[in-house]
């Protein structure tokens, strides 16, 4: 890594293996998703190509974010770190949420195992974990811990800490996106008003963190000049707003689709009732 941040530069034939590990995991996930989608199509149950395309896009964004070049640069330049954050915690989760990976997995499992897994997903501990408020705390709370404490400076000197932070940013971002969007049917869906309220709070908190970075108050001990911090803050503010706006589109689109289906069912039920009660000829 960059000596300017005290990480040292690993050497030897296996020095790049830790940097390439995320790519290996992404490749394995892509092969699994592709295999399960193909199995659905061959079984005649079908799987929309659009979902596979969204998964490919999300995987591509993560591949860029976890590339060795960007990972190395992120230790020396807070702007590169912010690009990683936006890709792993906001834009890639948006694409992956539209891929419905959990639904695809459940559709490929044996019926009894799928029902058991659904029971676990709706058990009280996991329902608490997947509530919008918990997702908000894990997502924005994790970012606040990263930027408003010495954790960010520690991450620059500890590759293991850096890897754990990256994993948390991605996992918390994906959980937040899936829970707030509420579009994957197998996930317990919170009330629409609660999800909108959490989205607004998350957007405000993310923008506030960006303003604190722009003011140069945090993070401490990074060695980044004020100009770099301000540019990173601008990235966080502007591109973060775009990601939040896209998430809002998902939230309201899902609400609109479900509302339309409910109205169609209501019209169908009303039509059947009229047919039953009308006098025969």
C-alpha atoms as a PDB file:
ATOM      1  CA  UNK A   1       0.000   0.000   0.000  1.00  0.00           C
ATOM      2  CA  UNK A   2       0.974   3.611  -0.037  1.00  0.00           C
ATOM      3  CA  UNK A   3       3.742   4.382   2.341  1.00  0.00           C
ATOM      4  CA  UNK A   4       2.340   7.841   2.939  1.00  0.00           C
ATOM      5  CA  UNK A   5      -0.314   6.216   5.090  1.00  0.00           C
ATOM      6  CA  UNK A   6       1.978   3.857   6.889  1.00  0.00           C
ATOM      7  CA  UNK A   7       0.584   0.688   5.380  1.00  0.00           C
ATOM      8  CA  UNK A   8       3.739  -0.482   3.710  1.00  0.00           C
ATOM      9  CA  UNK A   9       3.884  -2.132   0.312  1.00  0.00           C
ATOM     10  CA  UNK A  10       3.551  -5.914   0.430  1.00  0.00           C
ATOM     11  CA  UNK A  11       5.920  -7.854  -1.738  1.00  0.00           C
ATOM     12  CA  UNK A  12       6.243 -11.415  -2.912  1.00  0.00           C
ATOM     13  CA  UNK A  13       4.325 -13.668  -5.292  1.00  0.00           C
ATOM     14  CA  UNK A  14       1.197 -13.741  -3.092  1.00  0.00           C
ATOM     15  CA  UNK A  15       1.121 -10.054  -2.210  1.00  0.00           C
ATOM     16  CA  UNK A  16      -1.853  -9.294  -4.459  1.00  0.00           C
ATOM     17  CA  UNK A  17      -4.020 -12.215  -3.313  1.00  0.00           C
ATOM     18  CA  UNK A  18      -5.907 -10.229  -0.620  1.00  0.00           C
ATOM     19  CA  UNK A  19      -6.690  -7.540  -3.192  1.00  0.00           C
ATOM     20  CA  UNK A  20      -7.963 -10.129  -5.686  1.00  0.00           C
ATOM     21  CA  UNK A  21     -10.125 -12.000  -3.158  1.00  0.00           C
ATOM     22  CA  UNK A  22     -13.202  -9.751  -3.665  1.00  0.00           C
ATOM     23  CA  UNK A  23     -13.044 -10.403  -7.400  1.00  0.00           C
ATOM     24  CA  UNK A  24     -13.024 -14.145  -6.745  1.00  0.00           C
ATOM     25  CA  UNK A  25     -16.083 -13.855  -4.516  1.00  0.00           C
ATOM     26  CA  UNK A  26     -17.871 -11.736  -7.116  1.00  0.00           C
ATOM     27  CA  UNK A  27     -17.117 -14.296  -9.819  1.00  0.00           C
ATOM     28  CA  UNK A  28     -18.480 -17.089  -7.638  1.00  0.00           C
ATOM     29  CA  UNK A  29     -21.650 -15.083  -6.902  1.00  0.00           C
ATOM     30  CA  UNK A  30     -22.143 -14.307 -10.602  1.00  0.00           C
ATOM     31  CA  UNK A  31     -21.748 -17.978 -11.538  1.00  0.00           C
ATOM     32  CA  UNK A  32     -24.239 -19.002  -8.845  1.00  0.00           C
ATOM     33  CA  UNK A  33     -26.808 -16.397  -9.913  1.00  0.00           C
ATOM     34  CA  UNK A  34     -26.402 -17.283 -13.582  1.00  0.00           C
ATOM     35  CA  UNK A  35     -26.738 -20.992 -12.852  1.00  0.00           C
ATOM     36  CA  UNK A  36     -29.895 -20.521 -10.780  1.00  0.00           C
ATOM     37  CA  UNK A  37     -31.459 -18.232 -13.390  1.00  0.00           C
ATOM     38  CA  UNK A  38     -30.679 -20.725 -16.158  1.00  0.00           C
ATOM     39  CA  UNK A  39     -32.216 -23.504 -14.093  1.00  0.00           C
ATOM     40  CA  UNK A  40     -35.433 -21.504 -13.753  1.00  0.00           C
ATOM     41  CA  UNK A  41     -35.633 -20.979 -17.505  1.00  0.00           C
ATOM     42  CA  UNK A  42     -34.943 -24.634 -18.317  1.00  0.00           C
ATOM     43  CA  UNK A  43     -37.591 -25.732 -15.822  1.00  0.00           C
ATOM     44  CA  UNK A  44     -40.146 -23.609 -17.670  1.00  0.00           C
ATOM     45  CA  UNK A  45     -40.697 -21.245 -14.741  1.00  0.00           C
ATOM     46  CA  UNK A  46     -38.841 -18.390 -16.406  1.00  0.00           C
ATOM     47  CA  UNK A  47     -36.703 -15.623 -14.971  1.00  0.00           C
ATOM     48  CA  UNK A  48     -36.849 -12.069 -16.389  1.00  0.00           C
ATOM     49  CA  UNK A  49     -33.707 -11.169 -18.309  1.00  0.00           C
ATOM     50  CA  UNK A  50     -33.895  -7.656 -16.857  1.00  0.00           C
ATOM     51  CA  UNK A  51     -33.156  -9.002 -13.371  1.00  0.00           C
ATOM     52  CA  UNK A  52     -30.084 -10.823 -14.641  1.00  0.00           C
ATOM     53  CA  UNK A  53     -28.930  -7.628 -16.343  1.00  0.00           C
ATOM     54  CA  UNK A  54     -29.342  -5.702 -13.080  1.00  0.00           C
ATOM     55  CA  UNK A  55     -27.295  -8.343 -11.276  1.00  0.00           C
ATOM     56  CA  UNK A  56     -24.565  -8.095 -13.909  1.00  0.00           C
ATOM     57  CA  UNK A  57     -24.536  -4.298 -13.556  1.00  0.00           C
ATOM     58  CA  UNK A  58     -24.321  -4.474  -9.760  1.00  0.00           C
ATOM     59  CA  UNK A  59     -21.507  -7.015  -9.978  1.00  0.00           C
ATOM     60  CA  UNK A  60     -19.653  -4.806 -12.453  1.00  0.00           C
ATOM     61  CA  UNK A  61     -19.916  -1.799 -10.144  1.00  0.00           C
ATOM     62  CA  UNK A  62     -18.553  -3.880  -7.257  1.00  0.00           C
ATOM     63  CA  UNK A  63     -15.746  -5.194  -9.453  1.00  0.00           C
ATOM     64  CA  UNK A  64     -14.700  -1.620 -10.196  1.00  0.00           C
ATOM     65  CA  UNK A  65     -14.988  -0.618  -6.545  1.00  0.00           C
ATOM     66  CA  UNK A  66     -12.928  -3.585  -5.335  1.00  0.00           C
ATOM     67  CA  UNK A  67     -10.343  -3.397  -8.108  1.00  0.00           C
ATOM     68  CA  UNK A  68      -6.766  -3.485  -6.766  1.00  0.00           C
ATOM     69  CA  UNK A  69      -5.991  -0.141  -8.424  1.00  0.00           C
ATOM     70  CA  UNK A  70      -8.897   1.705  -6.794  1.00  0.00           C
ATOM     71  CA  UNK A  71      -8.338  -0.027  -3.467  1.00  0.00           C
ATOM     72  CA  UNK A  72      -4.690   1.040  -3.451  1.00  0.00           C
ATOM     73  CA  UNK A  73      -5.585   4.591  -4.433  1.00  0.00           C
ATOM     74  CA  UNK A  74      -8.297   4.809  -1.772  1.00  0.00           C
ATOM     75  CA  UNK A  75      -5.644   4.509   0.941  1.00  0.00           C
ATOM     76  CA  UNK A  76      -3.868   7.606  -0.332  1.00  0.00           C
ATOM     77  CA  UNK A  77      -6.695   9.773  -1.642  1.00  0.00           C
ATOM     78  CA  UNK A  78      -9.967  10.359   0.178  1.00  0.00           C
ATOM     79  CA  UNK A  79     -11.656  11.086  -3.151  1.00  0.00           C
ATOM     80  CA  UNK A  80     -10.969   7.534  -4.332  1.00  0.00           C
ATOM     81  CA  UNK A  81     -12.234   6.249  -0.994  1.00  0.00           C
ATOM     82  CA  UNK A  82     -15.447   8.208  -1.487  1.00  0.00           C
ATOM     83  CA  UNK A  83     -15.859   6.728  -4.960  1.00  0.00           C
ATOM     84  CA  UNK A  84     -15.568   3.277  -3.367  1.00  0.00           C
ATOM     85  CA  UNK A  85     -18.182   4.191  -0.784  1.00  0.00           C
ATOM     86  CA  UNK A  86     -20.643   5.416  -3.396  1.00  0.00           C
ATOM     87  CA  UNK A  87     -20.208   2.311  -5.538  1.00  0.00           C
ATOM     88  CA  UNK A  88     -20.281  -0.313  -2.790  1.00  0.00           C
ATOM     89  CA  UNK A  89     -22.781   1.282  -0.425  1.00  0.00           C
ATOM     90  CA  UNK A  90     -25.247   2.996  -2.752  1.00  0.00           C
ATOM     91  CA  UNK A  91     -25.191   2.305  -6.496  1.00  0.00           C
ATOM     92  CA  UNK A  92     -24.284  -1.405  -6.556  1.00  0.00           C
ATOM     93  CA  UNK A  93     -26.959  -2.203  -3.923  1.00  0.00           C
ATOM     94  CA  UNK A  94     -29.560  -0.412  -6.056  1.00  0.00           C
ATOM     95  CA  UNK A  95     -28.771  -2.655  -9.023  1.00  0.00           C
ATOM     96  CA  UNK A  96     -28.572  -5.828  -6.929  1.00  0.00           C
ATOM     97  CA  UNK A  97     -31.901  -5.089  -5.224  1.00  0.00           C
ATOM     98  CA  UNK A  98     -33.553  -5.025  -8.664  1.00  0.00           C
ATOM     99  CA  UNK A  99     -32.039  -8.453  -9.397  1.00  0.00           C
ATOM    100  CA  UNK A 100     -34.136 -10.166  -6.669  1.00  0.00           C
ATOM    101  CA  UNK A 101     -31.314 -12.567  -5.662  1.00  0.00           C
ATOM    102  CA  UNK A 102     -33.070 -13.881  -2.542  1.00  0.00           C
ATOM    103  CA  UNK A 103     -36.244 -14.664  -4.479  1.00  0.00           C
ATOM    104  CA  UNK A 104     -34.192 -16.482  -7.097  1.00  0.00           C
ATOM    105  CA  UNK A 105     -32.464 -18.560  -4.424  1.00  0.00           C
ATOM    106  CA  UNK A 106     -35.745 -19.521  -2.749  1.00  0.00           C
ATOM    107  CA  UNK A 107     -37.314 -20.530  -6.060  1.00  0.00           C
ATOM    108  CA  UNK A 108     -34.478 -22.990  -6.639  1.00  0.00           C
ATOM    109  CA  UNK A 109     -34.587 -24.611  -3.203  1.00  0.00           C
ATOM    110  CA  UNK A 110     -36.716 -27.670  -2.341  1.00  0.00           C
ATOM    111  CA  UNK A 111     -40.149 -26.630  -1.114  1.00  0.00           C
ATOM    112  CA  UNK A 112     -39.623 -27.687   2.494  1.00  0.00           C
ATOM    113  CA  UNK A 113     -36.237 -25.976   2.723  1.00  0.00           C
ATOM    114  CA  UNK A 114     -37.592 -22.798   1.102  1.00  0.00           C
ATOM    115  CA  UNK A 115     -40.481 -22.697   3.587  1.00  0.00           C
ATOM    116  CA  UNK A 116     -38.072 -23.186   6.470  1.00  0.00           C
ATOM    117  CA  UNK A 117     -35.864 -20.368   5.209  1.00  0.00           C
ATOM    118  CA  UNK A 118     -38.899 -18.108   4.819  1.00  0.00           C
ATOM    119  CA  UNK A 119     -39.824 -18.900   8.409  1.00  0.00           C
ATOM    120  CA  UNK A 120     -36.360 -17.834   9.526  1.00  0.00           C
ATOM    121  CA  UNK A 121     -36.586 -14.634   7.500  1.00  0.00           C
ATOM    122  CA  UNK A 122     -39.840 -13.711   9.229  1.00  0.00           C
ATOM    123  CA  UNK A 123     -38.746 -14.784  12.714  1.00  0.00           C
ATOM    124  CA  UNK A 124     -38.668 -11.936  15.279  1.00  0.00           C
ATOM    125  CA  UNK A 125     -34.838 -11.583  15.441  1.00  0.00           C
ATOM    126  CA  UNK A 126     -34.468 -11.260  11.671  1.00  0.00           C
ATOM    127  CA  UNK A 127     -37.565  -9.084  11.386  1.00  0.00           C
ATOM    128  CA  UNK A 128     -35.876  -6.728  13.837  1.00  0.00           C
ATOM    129  CA  UNK A 129     -32.664  -6.813  11.811  1.00  0.00           C
ATOM    130  CA  UNK A 130     -34.520  -6.130   8.572  1.00  0.00           C
ATOM    131  CA  UNK A 131     -36.705  -3.335   9.924  1.00  0.00           C
ATOM    132  CA  UNK A 132     -36.192   0.051   8.217  1.00  0.00           C
ATOM    133  CA  UNK A 133     -35.047   1.693  11.456  1.00  0.00           C
ATOM    134  CA  UNK A 134     -32.376  -0.971  12.087  1.00  0.00           C
ATOM    135  CA  UNK A 135     -31.233  -0.775   8.476  1.00  0.00           C
ATOM    136  CA  UNK A 136     -30.944   3.009   8.809  1.00  0.00           C
ATOM    137  CA  UNK A 137     -28.876   2.716  12.003  1.00  0.00           C
ATOM    138  CA  UNK A 138     -26.526   0.152  10.458  1.00  0.00           C
ATOM    139  CA  UNK A 139     -26.099   2.193   7.282  1.00  0.00           C
ATOM    140  CA  UNK A 140     -25.880   5.822   8.385  1.00  0.00           C
ATOM    141  CA  UNK A 141     -24.695   4.924  11.877  1.00  0.00           C
ATOM    142  CA  UNK A 142     -21.823   2.953  10.390  1.00  0.00           C
ATOM    143  CA  UNK A 143     -20.819   5.885   8.195  1.00  0.00           C
ATOM    144  CA  UNK A 144     -20.957   8.244  11.174  1.00  0.00           C
ATOM    145  CA  UNK A 145     -18.722   5.902  13.137  1.00  0.00           C
ATOM    146  CA  UNK A 146     -16.316   5.755  10.203  1.00  0.00           C
ATOM    147  CA  UNK A 147     -15.973   9.499   9.613  1.00  0.00           C
ATOM    148  CA  UNK A 148     -16.569  11.000  13.047  1.00  0.00           C
ATOM    149  CA  UNK A 149     -14.208   8.733  15.021  1.00  0.00           C
ATOM    150  CA  UNK A 150     -10.557   7.655  14.546  1.00  0.00           C
ATOM    151  CA  UNK A 151     -11.800   4.585  12.644  1.00  0.00           C
ATOM    152  CA  UNK A 152     -11.105   6.108   9.228  1.00  0.00           C
ATOM    153  CA  UNK A 153      -7.486   6.921  10.116  1.00  0.00           C
ATOM    154  CA  UNK A 154      -7.073   3.424  11.596  1.00  0.00           C
ATOM    155  CA  UNK A 155      -8.458   1.884   8.418  1.00  0.00           C
ATOM    156  CA  UNK A 156      -5.710   3.528   6.388  1.00  0.00           C
ATOM    157  CA  UNK A 157      -3.062   1.691   8.413  1.00  0.00           C
ATOM    158  CA  UNK A 158      -4.760  -1.692   8.861  1.00  0.00           C
ATOM    159  CA  UNK A 159      -5.655  -3.700   5.733  1.00  0.00           C
ATOM    160  CA  UNK A 160      -7.889  -6.042   7.753  1.00  0.00           C
ATOM    161  CA  UNK A 161      -9.846  -3.124   9.193  1.00  0.00           C
ATOM    162  CA  UNK A 162     -10.150  -1.670   5.694  1.00  0.00           C
ATOM    163  CA  UNK A 163     -11.585  -4.945   4.418  1.00  0.00           C
ATOM    164  CA  UNK A 164     -14.077  -5.176   7.279  1.00  0.00           C
ATOM    165  CA  UNK A 165     -15.187  -1.587   6.710  1.00  0.00           C
ATOM    166  CA  UNK A 166     -15.705  -2.257   3.006  1.00  0.00           C
ATOM    167  CA  UNK A 167     -17.773  -5.342   3.797  1.00  0.00           C
ATOM    168  CA  UNK A 168     -19.913  -3.429   6.296  1.00  0.00           C
ATOM    169  CA  UNK A 169     -20.505  -0.541   3.874  1.00  0.00           C
ATOM    170  CA  UNK A 170     -21.688  -2.982   1.206  1.00  0.00           C
ATOM    171  CA  UNK A 171     -23.764  -5.217   3.496  1.00  0.00           C
ATOM    172  CA  UNK A 172     -25.409  -2.292   5.309  1.00  0.00           C
ATOM    173  CA  UNK A 173     -26.051  -0.485   2.015  1.00  0.00           C
ATOM    174  CA  UNK A 174     -27.635  -3.576   0.462  1.00  0.00           C
ATOM    175  CA  UNK A 175     -29.803  -4.240   3.515  1.00  0.00           C
ATOM    176  CA  UNK A 176     -30.906  -0.598   3.630  1.00  0.00           C
ATOM    177  CA  UNK A 177     -31.750  -0.540  -0.078  1.00  0.00           C
ATOM    178  CA  UNK A 178     -33.712  -3.799  -0.085  1.00  0.00           C
ATOM    179  CA  UNK A 179     -35.645  -2.981   3.086  1.00  0.00           C
ATOM    180  CA  UNK A 180     -36.494   0.621   2.159  1.00  0.00           C
ATOM    181  CA  UNK A 181     -37.305  -0.175  -1.479  1.00  0.00           C
ATOM    182  CA  UNK A 182     -39.544  -3.069  -0.413  1.00  0.00           C
ATOM    183  CA  UNK A 183     -39.619  -4.525  -3.912  1.00  0.00           C
ATOM    184  CA  UNK A 184     -38.405  -8.086  -3.335  1.00  0.00           C
ATOM    185  CA  UNK A 185     -41.553  -9.999  -2.336  1.00  0.00           C
ATOM    186  CA  UNK A 186     -39.895 -12.569  -0.051  1.00  0.00           C
ATOM    187  CA  UNK A 187     -38.609  -9.828   2.275  1.00  0.00           C
ATOM    188  CA  UNK A 188     -40.975  -8.717   5.046  1.00  0.00           C
ATOM    189  CA  UNK A 189     -42.276  -5.362   3.838  1.00  0.00           C
ATOM    190  CA  UNK A 190     -42.628  -2.506   6.305  1.00  0.00           C
ATOM    191  CA  UNK A 191     -45.435   0.073   5.944  1.00  0.00           C
ATOM    192  CA  UNK A 192     -44.977   2.509   3.086  1.00  0.00           C
ATOM    193  CA  UNK A 193     -45.086   5.607   5.334  1.00  0.00           C
ATOM    194  CA  UNK A 194     -42.346   4.202   7.589  1.00  0.00           C
ATOM    195  CA  UNK A 195     -40.091   3.417   4.634  1.00  0.00           C
ATOM    196  CA  UNK A 196     -40.550   6.923   3.207  1.00  0.00           C
ATOM    197  CA  UNK A 197     -39.773   8.478   6.597  1.00  0.00           C
ATOM    198  CA  UNK A 198     -36.604   6.391   6.940  1.00  0.00           C
ATOM    199  CA  UNK A 199     -35.570   7.334   3.403  1.00  0.00           C
ATOM    200  CA  UNK A 200     -35.932  11.034   4.207  1.00  0.00           C
ATOM    201  CA  UNK A 201     -33.950  10.652   7.439  1.00  0.00           C
ATOM    202  CA  UNK A 202     -31.232   8.688   5.669  1.00  0.00           C
ATOM    203  CA  UNK A 203     -30.957  11.293   2.918  1.00  0.00           C
ATOM    204  CA  UNK A 204     -30.667  14.121   5.448  1.00  0.00           C
ATOM    205  CA  UNK A 205     -28.071  12.265   7.540  1.00  0.00           C
ATOM    206  CA  UNK A 206     -25.961  11.423   4.492  1.00  0.00           C
ATOM    207  CA  UNK A 207     -26.019  15.049   3.338  1.00  0.00           C
ATOM    208  CA  UNK A 208     -25.097  16.249   6.839  1.00  0.00           C
ATOM    209  CA  UNK A 209     -22.053  13.996   6.918  1.00  0.00           C
ATOM    210  CA  UNK A 210     -21.003  15.352   3.535  1.00  0.00           C
ATOM    211  CA  UNK A 211     -21.242  18.920   4.850  1.00  0.00           C
ATOM    212  CA  UNK A 212     -19.132  18.040   7.897  1.00  0.00           C
ATOM    213  CA  UNK A 213     -16.456  16.632   5.609  1.00  0.00           C
ATOM    214  CA  UNK A 214     -16.623  19.728   3.412  1.00  0.00           C
ATOM    215  CA  UNK A 215     -16.079  21.944   6.455  1.00  0.00           C
ATOM    216  CA  UNK A 216     -12.926  19.975   7.224  1.00  0.00           C
ATOM    217  CA  UNK A 217     -14.008  19.083  10.758  1.00  0.00           C
ATOM    218  CA  UNK A 218     -13.791  15.327  10.159  1.00  0.00           C
ATOM    219  CA  UNK A 219     -12.251  12.810   9.614  1.00  0.00           C
ATOM    220  CA  UNK A 220      -9.164  13.490  11.730  1.00  0.00           C
ATOM    221  CA  UNK A 221      -5.648  12.168  11.263  1.00  0.00           C
ATOM    222  CA  UNK A 222      -5.886  11.327   7.576  1.00  0.00           C
ATOM    223  CA  UNK A 223      -3.214  13.599   6.158  1.00  0.00           C
ATOM    224  CA  UNK A 224      -5.503  14.614   3.297  1.00  0.00           C
ATOM    225  CA  UNK A 225      -5.282  18.292   2.318  1.00  0.00           C
ATOM    226  CA  UNK A 226      -8.451  20.384   2.748  1.00  0.00           C
ATOM    227  CA  UNK A 227      -8.955  20.586  -1.007  1.00  0.00           C
ATOM    228  CA  UNK A 228      -9.183  16.797  -1.318  1.00  0.00           C
ATOM    229  CA  UNK A 229     -11.622  16.595   1.589  1.00  0.00           C
ATOM    230  CA  UNK A 230     -13.847  19.216  -0.004  1.00  0.00           C
ATOM    231  CA  UNK A 231     -13.830  17.424  -3.347  1.00  0.00           C
ATOM    232  CA  UNK A 232     -14.634  14.117  -1.634  1.00  0.00           C
ATOM    233  CA  UNK A 233     -17.466  15.825   0.237  1.00  0.00           C
ATOM    234  CA  UNK A 234     -18.875  17.149  -3.038  1.00  0.00           C
ATOM    235  CA  UNK A 235     -18.829  13.622  -4.463  1.00  0.00           C
ATOM    236  CA  UNK A 236     -20.605  12.311  -1.391  1.00  0.00           C
ATOM    237  CA  UNK A 237     -23.204  15.079  -1.473  1.00  0.00           C
ATOM    238  CA  UNK A 238     -24.078  15.214  -5.177  1.00  0.00           C
ATOM    239  CA  UNK A 239     -23.779  11.545  -6.123  1.00  0.00           C
ATOM    240  CA  UNK A 240     -25.286  10.487  -2.816  1.00  0.00           C
ATOM    241  CA  UNK A 241     -28.347  12.618  -3.560  1.00  0.00           C
ATOM    242  CA  UNK A 242     -28.626  10.936  -6.963  1.00  0.00           C
ATOM    243  CA  UNK A 243     -28.532   7.479  -5.383  1.00  0.00           C
ATOM    244  CA  UNK A 244     -31.135   8.479  -2.803  1.00  0.00           C
ATOM    245  CA  UNK A 245     -33.346   9.893  -5.553  1.00  0.00           C
ATOM    246  CA  UNK A 246     -33.133   6.603  -7.476  1.00  0.00           C
ATOM    247  CA  UNK A 247     -34.013   4.719  -4.302  1.00  0.00           C
ATOM    248  CA  UNK A 248     -37.022   7.004  -3.854  1.00  0.00           C
ATOM    249  CA  UNK A 249     -38.118   6.115  -7.384  1.00  0.00           C
ATOM    250  CA  UNK A 250     -37.979   2.415  -6.415  1.00  0.00           C
ATOM    251  CA  UNK A 251     -39.991   3.048  -3.262  1.00  0.00           C
ATOM    252  CA  UNK A 252     -42.791   4.918  -5.034  1.00  0.00           C
ATOM    253  CA  UNK A 253     -42.713   2.626  -8.072  1.00  0.00           C
ATOM    254  CA  UNK A 254     -43.233  -0.408  -5.838  1.00  0.00           C
ATOM    255  CA  UNK A 255     -46.081   1.351  -4.036  1.00  0.00           C
ATOM    256  CA  UNK A 256     -47.710   2.294  -7.359  1.00  0.00           C
ATOM    257  CA  UNK A 257     -47.482  -1.262  -8.724  1.00  0.00           C
ATOM    258  CA  UNK A 258     -48.921  -2.843  -5.571  1.00  0.00           C
ATOM    259  CA  UNK A 259     -51.696  -0.237  -5.418  1.00  0.00           C
ATOM    260  CA  UNK A 260     -52.616  -0.969  -9.034  1.00  0.00           C
ATOM    261  CA  UNK A 261     -52.726  -4.712  -8.366  1.00  0.00           C
ATOM    262  CA  UNK A 262     -54.889  -4.206  -5.275  1.00  0.00           C
ATOM    263  CA  UNK A 263     -57.333  -2.075  -7.261  1.00  0.00           C
ATOM    264  CA  UNK A 264     -57.452  -4.702 -10.028  1.00  0.00           C
ATOM    265  CA  UNK A 265     -58.223  -7.436  -7.471  1.00  0.00           C
ATOM    266  CA  UNK A 266     -60.911  -5.257  -5.911  1.00  0.00           C
ATOM    267  CA  UNK A 267     -62.542  -4.682  -9.318  1.00  0.00           C
ATOM    268  CA  UNK A 268     -62.381  -8.409 -10.046  1.00  0.00           C
ATOM    269  CA  UNK A 269     -64.000  -9.282  -6.722  1.00  0.00           C
ATOM    270  CA  UNK A 270     -66.721  -6.686  -7.273  1.00  0.00           C
ATOM    271  CA  UNK A 271     -67.419  -8.083 -10.735  1.00  0.00           C
ATOM    272  CA  UNK A 272     -67.726 -11.627  -9.391  1.00  0.00           C
ATOM    273  CA  UNK A 273     -70.070 -10.482  -6.636  1.00  0.00           C
ATOM    274  CA  UNK A 274     -72.311  -8.750  -9.165  1.00  0.00           C
ATOM    275  CA  UNK A 275     -72.355 -11.887 -11.330  1.00  0.00           C
ATOM    276  CA  UNK A 276     -73.377 -14.049  -8.356  1.00  0.00           C
ATOM    277  CA  UNK A 277     -76.125 -11.700  -7.134  1.00  0.00           C
ATOM    278  CA  UNK A 278     -77.624 -10.825 -10.533  1.00  0.00           C
ATOM    279  CA  UNK A 279     -80.855 -12.735 -11.442  1.00  0.00           C
ATOM    280  CA  UNK A 280     -80.501 -15.505 -13.985  1.00  0.00           C
ATOM    281  CA  UNK A 281     -82.281 -15.449 -17.302  1.00  0.00           C
END
